[in-house]
Amino acid sequence: MIVLAIGAVTVGLLAAAYWLLLSSFSQVLGAFPYRGATTERVVALTFDDGPNEPYTSQIAAVLAEYQVRATFFQVGCCVQRFPETTAALVRVGHVVGNHSQSHRARRYVTQPGFGWELDAAQAQLKKVVGRRPALFRPPWLWRQPWLLRSARRRGLQPVSGVFGDMLEPLQPSGAHMARRALAKVRPGIILIFHDGYNGNGARRAATVDAVKIVVPALLAQGYRFVTVDELLKVPAYQPDPHQGSRRRSHF
């Protein structure tokens, strides 16, 4: 009986820790929006862990076919590998956000504030697209007070979301993932897919197939796609500190 009680307490504590630190929905440690405050049939489609070729470009081609804009939370080291992919996404109107520099779990232990990860990714994205993102999604949705505070001090808006399918890393069929994702869609939801895997290259053909199903299905249901900044009514990119001085120099 004592062993059962200890086991039940342990399970309860683990569940509580997951909800507090990793769930899509918990707001206990600070604002971490997973949806927008709207009843309008809009959805923000997001992609994490890229860029990862050829899959990021294949996803972009599907989105272009339906004239859909999305938000790509990108890993700095991946941007270094595929800078032109990131630049191309921004050129056609997609938004890119910060998803850390290395996507390594040990960074949460060695630097609880996550400062270097944030700064290095910001610098890499600025180098490629000419602007620093104002949106940040932590790897695995992990958050704790130090990380959230560090992000906000850098002018970054933390963003959560709802996973289309928790089994996506295993790449079940696109049809399976699409069914799971469509069942979770509500007005204002931020929907998460992955065009990469933890900052590494990985096959994402099934994710591409899922997007081919999800996008037209939601359009047929009367949904409109928006980027995360549009949904949350926040900036997509941080202001250029030199922009004002450049403008003043013309007068």
C-alpha atoms as a PDB file:
ATOM      1  CA  MET A   1       0.000   0.000   0.000  1.00  0.00           C
ATOM      2  CA  ILE A   2       2.818   2.412   0.885  1.00  0.00           C
ATOM      3  CA  VAL A   3       4.553   1.618  -2.402  1.00  0.00           C
ATOM      4  CA  LEU A   4       1.342   2.339  -4.316  1.00  0.00           C
ATOM      5  CA  ALA A   5       0.897   5.616  -2.474  1.00  0.00           C
ATOM      6  CA  ILE A   6       4.461   6.688  -3.211  1.00  0.00           C
ATOM      7  CA  GLY A   7       3.985   5.744  -6.853  1.00  0.00           C
ATOM      8  CA  ALA A   8       0.766   7.755  -7.076  1.00  0.00           C
ATOM      9  CA  VAL A   9       2.444  10.802  -5.527  1.00  0.00           C
ATOM     10  CA  THR A  10       5.383  10.480  -7.909  1.00  0.00           C
ATOM     11  CA  VAL A  11       3.106  10.286 -10.935  1.00  0.00           C
ATOM     12  CA  GLY A  12       1.174  13.276  -9.660  1.00  0.00           C
ATOM     13  CA  LEU A  13       4.336  15.325  -9.197  1.00  0.00           C
ATOM     14  CA  LEU A  14       5.598  14.430 -12.656  1.00  0.00           C
ATOM     15  CA  ALA A  15       2.271  15.366 -14.202  1.00  0.00           C
ATOM     16  CA  ALA A  16       2.285  18.676 -12.344  1.00  0.00           C
ATOM     17  CA  ALA A  17       5.851  19.401 -13.449  1.00  0.00           C
ATOM     18  CA  TYR A  18       4.964  18.630 -17.070  1.00  0.00           C
ATOM     19  CA  TRP A  19       1.944  20.931 -16.933  1.00  0.00           C
ATOM     20  CA  LEU A  20       3.946  23.715 -15.337  1.00  0.00           C
ATOM     21  CA  LEU A  21       7.061  23.547 -17.531  1.00  0.00           C
ATOM     22  CA  LEU A  22       6.178  21.855 -20.826  1.00  0.00           C
ATOM     23  CA  SER A  23       2.470  21.898 -21.594  1.00  0.00           C
ATOM     24  CA  SER A  24       1.047  23.996 -24.386  1.00  0.00           C
ATOM     25  CA  PHE A  25      -1.504  25.585 -22.116  1.00  0.00           C
ATOM     26  CA  SER A  26      -0.082  26.492 -18.706  1.00  0.00           C
ATOM     27  CA  GLN A  27       0.177  30.224 -18.005  1.00  0.00           C
ATOM     28  CA  VAL A  28       1.269  29.856 -14.371  1.00  0.00           C
ATOM     29  CA  LEU A  29       4.825  31.107 -14.934  1.00  0.00           C
ATOM     30  CA  GLY A  30       3.847  33.955 -17.231  1.00  0.00           C
ATOM     31  CA  ALA A  31       1.991  34.751 -20.436  1.00  0.00           C
ATOM     32  CA  PHE A  32       2.700  32.051 -23.008  1.00  0.00           C
ATOM     33  CA  PRO A  33      -0.086  32.313 -25.604  1.00  0.00           C
ATOM     34  CA  TYR A  34      -1.218  29.217 -27.452  1.00  0.00           C
ATOM     35  CA  ARG A  35      -4.140  30.976 -29.152  1.00  0.00           C
ATOM     36  CA  GLY A  36      -5.398  34.441 -29.895  1.00  0.00           C
ATOM     37  CA  ALA A  37      -8.318  36.111 -28.145  1.00  0.00           C
ATOM     38  CA  THR A  38     -10.774  35.837 -31.016  1.00  0.00           C
ATOM     39  CA  THR A  39     -13.863  33.974 -32.129  1.00  0.00           C
ATOM     40  CA  GLU A  40     -13.019  34.571 -35.780  1.00  0.00           C
ATOM     41  CA  ARG A  41     -12.171  31.479 -37.797  1.00  0.00           C
ATOM     42  CA  VAL A  42      -8.468  32.147 -38.071  1.00  0.00           C
ATOM     43  CA  VAL A  43      -5.504  29.880 -37.399  1.00  0.00           C
ATOM     44  CA  ALA A  44      -1.776  30.584 -37.162  1.00  0.00           C
ATOM     45  CA  LEU A  45       0.167  27.783 -38.814  1.00  0.00           C
ATOM     46  CA  THR A  46       3.696  27.437 -37.411  1.00  0.00           C
ATOM     47  CA  PHE A  47       6.737  25.275 -38.130  1.00  0.00           C
ATOM     48  CA  ASP A  48       9.590  24.559 -35.708  1.00  0.00           C
ATOM     49  CA  ASP A  49      13.173  23.266 -35.875  1.00  0.00           C
ATOM     50  CA  GLY A  50      14.087  24.345 -39.406  1.00  0.00           C
ATOM     51  CA  PRO A  51      15.120  25.248 -41.907  1.00  0.00           C
ATOM     52  CA  ASN A  52      15.654  21.695 -43.062  1.00  0.00           C
ATOM     53  CA  GLU A  53      15.908  20.987 -46.752  1.00  0.00           C
ATOM     54  CA  PRO A  54      14.282  19.888 -48.920  1.00  0.00           C
ATOM     55  CA  TYR A  55      11.274  19.801 -46.612  1.00  0.00           C
ATOM     56  CA  THR A  56      11.082  23.470 -45.643  1.00  0.00           C
ATOM     57  CA  SER A  57      10.962  24.483 -49.297  1.00  0.00           C
ATOM     58  CA  GLN A  58       8.399  21.769 -50.048  1.00  0.00           C
ATOM     59  CA  ILE A  59       6.168  23.105 -47.276  1.00  0.00           C
ATOM     60  CA  ALA A  60       6.659  26.637 -48.595  1.00  0.00           C
ATOM     61  CA  ALA A  61       5.548  25.452 -52.057  1.00  0.00           C
ATOM     62  CA  VAL A  62       2.313  24.034 -50.607  1.00  0.00           C
ATOM     63  CA  LEU A  63       1.646  27.286 -48.758  1.00  0.00           C
ATOM     64  CA  ALA A  64       2.321  29.293 -51.922  1.00  0.00           C
ATOM     65  CA  GLU A  65      -0.180  27.179 -53.848  1.00  0.00           C
ATOM     66  CA  TYR A  66      -2.922  28.280 -51.459  1.00  0.00           C
ATOM     67  CA  GLN A  67      -1.530  31.795 -50.844  1.00  0.00           C
ATOM     68  CA  VAL A  68      -1.055  31.034 -47.135  1.00  0.00           C
ATOM     69  CA  ARG A  69       1.447  32.786 -44.887  1.00  0.00           C
ATOM     70  CA  ALA A  70       2.931  30.988 -41.876  1.00  0.00           C
ATOM     71  CA  THR A  71       5.381  31.535 -39.037  1.00  0.00           C
ATOM     72  CA  PHE A  72       8.631  29.564 -38.957  1.00  0.00           C
ATOM     73  CA  PHE A  73      10.414  29.331 -35.596  1.00  0.00           C
ATOM     74  CA  GLN A  74      13.953  28.633 -36.699  1.00  0.00           C
ATOM     75  CA  VAL A  75      17.107  27.306 -35.071  1.00  0.00           C
ATOM     76  CA  GLY A  76      20.193  29.461 -35.571  1.00  0.00           C
ATOM     77  CA  CYS A  77      22.534  26.616 -36.520  1.00  0.00           C
ATOM     78  CA  CYS A  78      20.008  25.463 -39.144  1.00  0.00           C
ATOM     79  CA  VAL A  79      19.778  28.978 -40.543  1.00  0.00           C
ATOM     80  CA  GLN A  80      23.563  28.841 -40.913  1.00  0.00           C
ATOM     81  CA  ARG A  81      23.206  25.662 -42.977  1.00  0.00           C
ATOM     82  CA  PHE A  82      20.370  26.950 -45.179  1.00  0.00           C
ATOM     83  CA  PRO A  83      20.483  30.767 -45.144  1.00  0.00           C
ATOM     84  CA  GLU A  84      18.884  31.142 -48.562  1.00  0.00           C
ATOM     85  CA  THR A  85      15.874  29.099 -47.435  1.00  0.00           C
ATOM     86  CA  THR A  86      15.257  31.476 -44.551  1.00  0.00           C
ATOM     87  CA  ALA A  87      15.759  34.528 -46.753  1.00  0.00           C
ATOM     88  CA  ALA A  88      13.342  33.105 -49.337  1.00  0.00           C
ATOM     89  CA  LEU A  89      10.635  32.539 -46.721  1.00  0.00           C
ATOM     90  CA  VAL A  90      10.806  36.165 -45.608  1.00  0.00           C
ATOM     91  CA  ARG A  91      10.847  37.455 -49.166  1.00  0.00           C
ATOM     92  CA  VAL A  92       7.478  35.847 -49.913  1.00  0.00           C
ATOM     93  CA  GLY A  93       5.848  37.109 -46.712  1.00  0.00           C
ATOM     94  CA  HIS A  94       6.334  34.400 -44.113  1.00  0.00           C
ATOM     95  CA  VAL A  95       7.497  35.410 -40.630  1.00  0.00           C
ATOM     96  CA  VAL A  96      10.513  33.880 -38.911  1.00  0.00           C
ATOM     97  CA  GLY A  97      10.929  33.649 -35.147  1.00  0.00           C
ATOM     98  CA  ASN A  98      13.685  32.659 -32.731  1.00  0.00           C
ATOM     99  CA  HIS A  99      13.786  28.978 -31.700  1.00  0.00           C
ATOM    100  CA  SER A 100      17.235  29.078 -30.023  1.00  0.00           C
ATOM    101  CA  GLN A 101      20.680  28.716 -31.545  1.00  0.00           C
ATOM    102  CA  SER A 102      21.377  25.028 -30.901  1.00  0.00           C
ATOM    103  CA  HIS A 103      18.139  23.386 -29.645  1.00  0.00           C
ATOM    104  CA  ARG A 104      20.132  21.449 -27.021  1.00  0.00           C
ATOM    105  CA  ALA A 105      18.409  20.386 -23.815  1.00  0.00           C
ATOM    106  CA  ARG A 106      21.559  20.775 -21.720  1.00  0.00           C
ATOM    107  CA  ARG A 107      21.479  24.529 -22.327  1.00  0.00           C
ATOM    108  CA  TYR A 108      18.528  24.750 -19.961  1.00  0.00           C
ATOM    109  CA  VAL A 109      20.816  23.412 -17.221  1.00  0.00           C
ATOM    110  CA  THR A 110      24.009  25.291 -18.053  1.00  0.00           C
ATOM    111  CA  GLN A 111      22.302  28.644 -18.690  1.00  0.00           C
ATOM    112  CA  PRO A 112      18.837  28.900 -17.093  1.00  0.00           C
ATOM    113  CA  GLY A 113      18.368  32.365 -18.535  1.00  0.00           C
ATOM    114  CA  PHE A 114      19.099  30.992 -22.034  1.00  0.00           C
ATOM    115  CA  GLY A 115      20.866  34.250 -22.865  1.00  0.00           C
ATOM    116  CA  TRP A 116      23.507  32.992 -25.285  1.00  0.00           C
ATOM    117  CA  GLU A 117      20.990  30.826 -27.132  1.00  0.00           C
ATOM    118  CA  LEU A 118      18.691  33.799 -27.627  1.00  0.00           C
ATOM    119  CA  ASP A 119      21.406  36.252 -28.613  1.00  0.00           C
ATOM    120  CA  ALA A 120      23.222  33.931 -31.012  1.00  0.00           C
ATOM    121  CA  ALA A 121      20.011  33.038 -32.842  1.00  0.00           C
ATOM    122  CA  GLN A 122      19.000  36.693 -33.027  1.00  0.00           C
ATOM    123  CA  ALA A 123      22.366  37.599 -34.523  1.00  0.00           C
ATOM    124  CA  GLN A 124      22.175  34.777 -37.080  1.00  0.00           C
ATOM    125  CA  LEU A 125      18.667  35.703 -38.190  1.00  0.00           C
ATOM    126  CA  LYS A 126      19.588  39.385 -38.375  1.00  0.00           C
ATOM    127  CA  LYS A 127      22.521  38.466 -40.610  1.00  0.00           C
ATOM    128  CA  VAL A 128      20.282  36.563 -43.020  1.00  0.00           C
ATOM    129  CA  VAL A 129      17.028  38.556 -43.106  1.00  0.00           C
ATOM    130  CA  GLY A 130      18.213  41.973 -41.952  1.00  0.00           C
ATOM    131  CA  ARG A 131      15.901  42.095 -38.938  1.00  0.00           C
ATOM    132  CA  ARG A 132      15.777  40.624 -35.456  1.00  0.00           C
ATOM    133  CA  PRO A 133      12.666  38.585 -34.643  1.00  0.00           C
ATOM    134  CA  ALA A 134      10.301  39.737 -31.921  1.00  0.00           C
ATOM    135  CA  LEU A 135       8.786  36.243 -31.490  1.00  0.00           C
ATOM    136  CA  PHE A 136      10.385  33.392 -29.553  1.00  0.00           C
ATOM    137  CA  ARG A 137       9.317  29.794 -29.030  1.00  0.00           C
ATOM    138  CA  PRO A 138      11.526  27.797 -26.633  1.00  0.00           C
ATOM    139  CA  PRO A 139      12.510  24.284 -27.693  1.00  0.00           C
ATOM    140  CA  TRP A 140       9.995  21.678 -26.446  1.00  0.00           C
ATOM    141  CA  LEU A 141       7.922  24.620 -25.093  1.00  0.00           C
ATOM    142  CA  TRP A 142      10.093  24.486 -21.968  1.00  0.00           C
ATOM    143  CA  ARG A 143       9.731  27.565 -19.832  1.00  0.00           C
ATOM    144  CA  GLN A 144      10.669  28.680 -16.376  1.00  0.00           C
ATOM    145  CA  PRO A 145      10.758  32.173 -14.880  1.00  0.00           C
ATOM    146  CA  TRP A 146      14.407  32.887 -15.742  1.00  0.00           C
ATOM    147  CA  LEU A 147      13.949  32.014 -19.383  1.00  0.00           C
ATOM    148  CA  LEU A 148      10.733  33.992 -19.809  1.00  0.00           C
ATOM    149  CA  ARG A 149      12.229  37.001 -18.058  1.00  0.00           C
ATOM    150  CA  SER A 150      15.374  36.794 -20.194  1.00  0.00           C
ATOM    151  CA  ALA A 151      13.322  36.657 -23.389  1.00  0.00           C
ATOM    152  CA  ARG A 152      11.200  39.663 -22.470  1.00  0.00           C
ATOM    153  CA  ARG A 153      14.255  41.700 -21.488  1.00  0.00           C
ATOM    154  CA  ARG A 154      15.453  41.161 -25.051  1.00  0.00           C
ATOM    155  CA  GLY A 155      12.166  42.321 -26.526  1.00  0.00           C
ATOM    156  CA  LEU A 156      11.022  38.811 -27.405  1.00  0.00           C
ATOM    157  CA  GLN A 157       7.410  37.658 -27.091  1.00  0.00           C
ATOM    158  CA  PRO A 158       7.267  34.000 -25.905  1.00  0.00           C
ATOM    159  CA  VAL A 159       4.857  31.939 -28.014  1.00  0.00           C
ATOM    160  CA  SER A 160       3.330  28.555 -27.272  1.00  0.00           C
ATOM    161  CA  GLY A 161       0.962  26.585 -29.493  1.00  0.00           C
ATOM    162  CA  VAL A 162      -0.817  23.265 -29.879  1.00  0.00           C
ATOM    163  CA  PHE A 163       1.044  20.335 -31.426  1.00  0.00           C
ATOM    164  CA  GLY A 164      -0.673  19.026 -34.532  1.00  0.00           C
ATOM    165  CA  ASP A 165       0.346  15.506 -33.539  1.00  0.00           C
ATOM    166  CA  MET A 166       2.580  14.574 -30.606  1.00  0.00           C
ATOM    167  CA  LEU A 167       3.817  11.602 -32.670  1.00  0.00           C
ATOM    168  CA  GLU A 168       5.143  13.819 -35.468  1.00  0.00           C
ATOM    169  CA  PRO A 169       8.812  13.069 -34.571  1.00  0.00           C
ATOM    170  CA  LEU A 170       8.085   9.434 -35.490  1.00  0.00           C
ATOM    171  CA  GLN A 171       6.550  10.533 -38.804  1.00  0.00           C
ATOM    172  CA  PRO A 172       3.323   8.549 -38.950  1.00  0.00           C
ATOM    173  CA  SER A 173       1.420   8.995 -42.204  1.00  0.00           C
ATOM    174  CA  GLY A 174       0.474  12.478 -43.345  1.00  0.00           C
ATOM    175  CA  ALA A 175      -3.192  11.471 -43.282  1.00  0.00           C
ATOM    176  CA  HIS A 176      -2.892  10.402 -39.640  1.00  0.00           C
ATOM    177  CA  MET A 177      -1.201  13.641 -38.602  1.00  0.00           C
ATOM    178  CA  ALA A 178      -3.689  15.712 -40.548  1.00  0.00           C
ATOM    179  CA  ARG A 179      -6.641  14.052 -38.800  1.00  0.00           C
ATOM    180  CA  ARG A 180      -5.101  14.688 -35.398  1.00  0.00           C
ATOM    181  CA  ALA A 181      -4.316  18.296 -36.231  1.00  0.00           C
ATOM    182  CA  LEU A 182      -7.706  19.116 -37.718  1.00  0.00           C
ATOM    183  CA  ALA A 183      -9.448  17.735 -34.624  1.00  0.00           C
ATOM    184  CA  LYS A 184      -7.577  20.275 -32.479  1.00  0.00           C
ATOM    185  CA  VAL A 185      -8.294  23.383 -34.509  1.00  0.00           C
ATOM    186  CA  ARG A 186     -10.426  26.071 -32.879  1.00  0.00           C
ATOM    187  CA  PRO A 187     -10.771  29.768 -33.757  1.00  0.00           C
ATOM    188  CA  GLY A 188      -7.526  31.564 -32.948  1.00  0.00           C
ATOM    189  CA  ILE A 189      -5.396  28.452 -32.385  1.00  0.00           C
ATOM    190  CA  ILE A 190      -1.643  28.443 -32.973  1.00  0.00           C
ATOM    191  CA  LEU A 191      -0.923  25.093 -34.629  1.00  0.00           C
ATOM    192  CA  ILE A 192       2.558  23.548 -34.444  1.00  0.00           C
ATOM    193  CA  PHE A 193       4.227  21.355 -37.050  1.00  0.00           C
ATOM    194  CA  HIS A 194       7.946  20.653 -37.507  1.00  0.00           C
ATOM    195  CA  ASP A 195       9.974  21.030 -40.686  1.00  0.00           C
ATOM    196  CA  GLY A 196      13.097  19.793 -38.858  1.00  0.00           C
ATOM    197  CA  TYR A 197      14.043  17.826 -35.766  1.00  0.00           C
ATOM    198  CA  ASN A 198      15.779  19.377 -32.760  1.00  0.00           C
ATOM    199  CA  GLY A 199      18.056  21.453 -34.956  1.00  0.00           C
ATOM    200  CA  ASN A 200      19.144  18.423 -36.985  1.00  0.00           C
ATOM    201  CA  GLY A 201      18.331  17.192 -40.438  1.00  0.00           C
ATOM    202  CA  ALA A 202      15.491  14.672 -40.515  1.00  0.00           C
ATOM    203  CA  ARG A 203      12.963  13.268 -42.935  1.00  0.00           C
ATOM    204  CA  ARG A 204       9.775  15.296 -42.862  1.00  0.00           C
ATOM    205  CA  ALA A 205       7.999  13.966 -45.948  1.00  0.00           C
ATOM    206  CA  ALA A 206       4.961  12.926 -43.879  1.00  0.00           C
ATOM    207  CA  THR A 207       4.726  16.432 -42.431  1.00  0.00           C
ATOM    208  CA  VAL A 208       4.690  17.828 -45.969  1.00  0.00           C
ATOM    209  CA  ASP A 209       1.868  15.409 -46.788  1.00  0.00           C
ATOM    210  CA  ALA A 210      -0.037  16.492 -43.684  1.00  0.00           C
ATOM    211  CA  VAL A 211       0.215  20.154 -44.655  1.00  0.00           C
ATOM    212  CA  LYS A 212      -1.143  19.286 -48.105  1.00  0.00           C
ATOM    213  CA  ILE A 213      -4.273  17.979 -46.373  1.00  0.00           C
ATOM    214  CA  VAL A 214      -4.633  20.442 -43.488  1.00  0.00           C
ATOM    215  CA  VAL A 215      -4.416  23.681 -45.466  1.00  0.00           C
ATOM    216  CA  PRO A 216      -7.165  23.039 -48.029  1.00  0.00           C
ATOM    217  CA  ALA A 217      -9.342  21.328 -45.402  1.00  0.00           C
ATOM    218  CA  LEU A 218      -9.280  24.390 -43.146  1.00  0.00           C
ATOM    219  CA  LEU A 219      -9.853  26.737 -46.061  1.00  0.00           C
ATOM    220  CA  ALA A 220     -12.909  24.653 -46.981  1.00  0.00           C
ATOM    221  CA  GLN A 221     -14.155  25.069 -43.393  1.00  0.00           C
ATOM    222  CA  GLY A 222     -13.969  28.830 -43.747  1.00  0.00           C
ATOM    223  CA  TYR A 223     -10.734  29.364 -41.850  1.00  0.00           C
ATOM    224  CA  ARG A 224      -8.272  32.084 -42.745  1.00  0.00           C
ATOM    225  CA  PHE A 225      -4.554  31.749 -42.080  1.00  0.00           C
ATOM    226  CA  VAL A 226      -2.613  34.491 -40.293  1.00  0.00           C
ATOM    227  CA  THR A 227       0.889  34.803 -38.921  1.00  0.00           C
ATOM    228  CA  VAL A 228       1.463  34.722 -35.158  1.00  0.00           C
ATOM    229  CA  ASP A 229       2.164  38.444 -34.910  1.00  0.00           C
ATOM    230  CA  GLU A 230      -1.117  39.212 -36.676  1.00  0.00           C
ATOM    231  CA  LEU A 231      -3.032  36.856 -34.420  1.00  0.00           C
ATOM    232  CA  LEU A 232      -1.552  38.172 -31.169  1.00  0.00           C
ATOM    233  CA  LYS A 233      -1.388  41.787 -32.402  1.00  0.00           C
ATOM    234  CA  VAL A 234       2.318  42.122 -31.598  1.00  0.00           C
ATOM    235  CA  PRO A 235       5.313  43.045 -33.793  1.00  0.00           C
ATOM    236  CA  ALA A 236       6.923  40.340 -35.903  1.00  0.00           C
ATOM    237  CA  TYR A 237      10.336  42.012 -35.777  1.00  0.00           C
ATOM    238  CA  GLN A 238      12.127  44.355 -33.441  1.00  0.00           C
ATOM    239  CA  PRO A 239      12.609  47.963 -34.502  1.00  0.00           C
ATOM    240  CA  ASP A 240      15.877  48.883 -36.146  1.00  0.00           C
ATOM    241  CA  PRO A 241      17.645  51.235 -33.702  1.00  0.00           C
ATOM    242  CA  HIS A 242      19.356  52.969 -36.629  1.00  0.00           C
ATOM    243  CA  GLN A 243      16.220  53.464 -38.689  1.00  0.00           C
ATOM    244  CA  GLY A 244      15.193  56.680 -36.982  1.00  0.00           C
ATOM    245  CA  SER A 245      18.624  58.259 -37.318  1.00  0.00           C
ATOM    246  CA  ARG A 246      18.771  57.298 -40.993  1.00  0.00           C
ATOM    247  CA  ARG A 247      15.411  58.918 -41.565  1.00  0.00           C
ATOM    248  CA  ARG A 248      16.406  62.071 -39.707  1.00  0.00           C
ATOM    249  CA  SER A 249      19.569  62.369 -41.787  1.00  0.00           C
ATOM    250  CA  HIS A 250      17.422  63.015 -44.883  1.00  0.00           C
ATOM    251  CA  PHE A 251      16.046  66.225 -43.412  1.00  0.00           C
END
